[in-house]
Amino acid sequence: MRRPGEPSPDGGHVQRQALCIGLSRFGRDDGEPATTAKDPLPFAAQRVKAMSAALRQLGYACTTADETTLATAGDLGAAVTSAITNGGDGDVQVVHVLSHGEPAKR
């Protein structure tokens, strides 16, 4: 396993990338099914900012998102899928989501 900054056999380098998402509001008129009443998470933006700052100090390139950029559950799923599949061999990907959630139905 290569360490960050260490060249790969093909000359590339390990990349550290992070996606930090904070969803503070729920159940808006966004085309999504109605959710049960969830209290807003007014601290979400502040926590995401702190998390991304900490990850940057560790050498991660961070992208942040919230409910203004991820308006639907589909948008959230696409962002997470993209973040975890776009890395190269040996890269390190972190996805941090601060939100309410619902258990998946089996």
Protein backbone atom coordinates (compact mmCIF):
# COMPACT_ATOMS: atom_id res chain seq x y z
CA MET A 1 0.00 0.00 0.00
CA ARG A 2 1.37 3.38 -0.99
CA ARG A 3 1.48 6.29 1.43
CA PRO A 4 0.20 9.76 0.45
CA GLY A 5 2.74 11.48 -1.76
CA GLU A 6 4.54 8.22 -2.59
CA PRO A 7 4.84 7.52 -6.31
CA SER A 8 2.89 4.61 -7.73
CA PRO A 9 4.52 2.14 -10.12
CA ASP A 10 3.15 4.21 -13.01
CA GLY A 11 4.58 7.47 -11.58
CA GLY A 12 1.31 8.81 -10.08
CA HIS A 13 0.85 9.89 -6.48
CA VAL A 14 -1.66 8.93 -3.82
CA GLN A 15 -4.38 11.54 -3.58
CA ARG A 16 -6.30 12.42 -0.42
CA GLN A 17 -9.78 13.67 -1.19
CA ALA A 18 -12.75 14.36 1.04
CA LEU A 19 -16.40 15.22 0.56
CA CYS A 20 -17.95 16.87 3.63
CA ILE A 21 -21.73 17.24 3.56
CA GLY A 22 -23.95 18.99 6.10
CA LEU A 23 -27.72 18.85 5.67
CA SER A 24 -29.38 21.12 8.21
CA ARG A 25 -32.97 21.19 6.94
CA PHE A 26 -35.35 18.41 5.94
CA GLY A 27 -38.75 17.92 4.35
CA ARG A 28 -38.72 21.03 2.21
CA ASP A 29 -40.76 21.19 -0.96
CA ASP A 30 -37.98 19.63 -3.01
CA GLY A 31 -39.90 16.89 -4.77
CA GLU A 32 -38.81 14.29 -2.23
CA PRO A 33 -41.33 12.22 -0.28
CA ALA A 34 -42.46 13.83 2.96
CA THR A 35 -40.31 12.91 5.94
CA THR A 36 -41.32 12.56 9.52
CA ALA A 37 -40.72 15.73 11.48
CA LYS A 38 -37.00 16.18 11.95
CA ASP A 39 -35.49 18.98 13.95
CA PRO A 40 -33.16 21.19 11.92
CA LEU A 41 -29.46 20.81 12.55
CA PRO A 42 -28.43 24.49 12.74
CA PHE A 43 -24.85 23.54 13.61
CA ALA A 44 -24.33 21.49 10.44
CA ALA A 45 -22.56 24.19 8.41
CA GLN A 46 -20.21 25.03 11.27
CA ARG A 47 -19.33 21.38 11.88
CA VAL A 48 -18.71 20.73 8.18
CA LYS A 49 -16.45 23.78 8.04
CA ALA A 50 -14.48 22.49 11.05
CA MET A 51 -14.25 18.96 9.63
CA SER A 52 -13.04 20.15 6.24
CA ALA A 53 -10.45 22.44 7.91
CA ALA A 54 -9.12 19.50 9.96
CA LEU A 55 -8.95 17.27 6.89
CA ARG A 56 -7.16 20.00 4.90
CA GLN A 57 -4.53 20.16 7.66
CA LEU A 58 -4.01 16.43 7.08
CA GLY A 59 -3.44 17.02 3.37
CA TYR A 60 -6.90 16.32 1.99
CA ALA A 61 -8.43 18.24 -0.89
CA CYS A 62 -11.94 18.93 0.44
CA THR A 63 -15.23 19.60 -1.27
CA THR A 64 -18.19 20.71 0.83
CA ALA A 65 -21.90 20.55 0.09
CA ASP A 66 -25.22 21.31 1.77
CA GLU A 67 -28.93 21.23 0.98
CA THR A 68 -28.55 24.16 -1.43
CA THR A 69 -26.22 22.13 -3.66
CA LEU A 70 -27.74 18.70 -2.93
CA ALA A 71 -31.47 19.38 -3.20
CA THR A 72 -32.70 15.78 -3.30
CA ALA A 73 -31.80 12.37 -1.96
CA GLY A 74 -30.79 11.46 -5.51
CA ASP A 75 -28.34 14.38 -5.59
CA LEU A 76 -26.87 13.23 -2.27
CA GLY A 77 -26.52 9.65 -3.51
CA ALA A 78 -24.89 10.77 -6.75
CA ALA A 79 -22.39 12.99 -4.88
CA VAL A 80 -21.41 10.20 -2.49
CA THR A 81 -21.14 7.63 -5.30
CA SER A 82 -18.98 9.99 -7.33
CA ALA A 83 -16.71 10.72 -4.37
CA ILE A 84 -16.06 7.06 -3.61
CA THR A 85 -15.62 5.89 -7.19
CA ASN A 86 -13.51 8.69 -8.69
CA GLY A 87 -10.27 7.95 -6.86
CA GLY A 88 -7.34 6.15 -8.34
CA ASP A 89 -5.69 2.96 -7.19
CA GLY A 90 -4.41 3.50 -3.66
CA ASP A 91 -6.04 6.91 -3.21
CA VAL A 92 -7.74 7.77 0.06
CA GLN A 93 -11.36 8.99 -0.10
CA VAL A 94 -13.30 10.29 2.89
CA VAL A 95 -17.03 10.99 2.83
CA HIS A 96 -18.43 12.72 5.92
CA VAL A 97 -22.21 13.24 6.07
CA LEU A 98 -23.88 15.17 8.89
CA SER A 99 -27.62 14.65 8.58
CA HIS A 100 -30.66 12.85 9.87
CA GLY A 101 -31.31 9.53 8.23
CA GLU A 102 -33.76 6.72 7.82
CA PRO A 103 -32.88 3.03 7.94
CA ALA A 104 -32.94 1.35 4.55
CA LYS A 105 -35.92 -0.88 3.94
CA ARG A 106 -34.90 -4.45 3.21
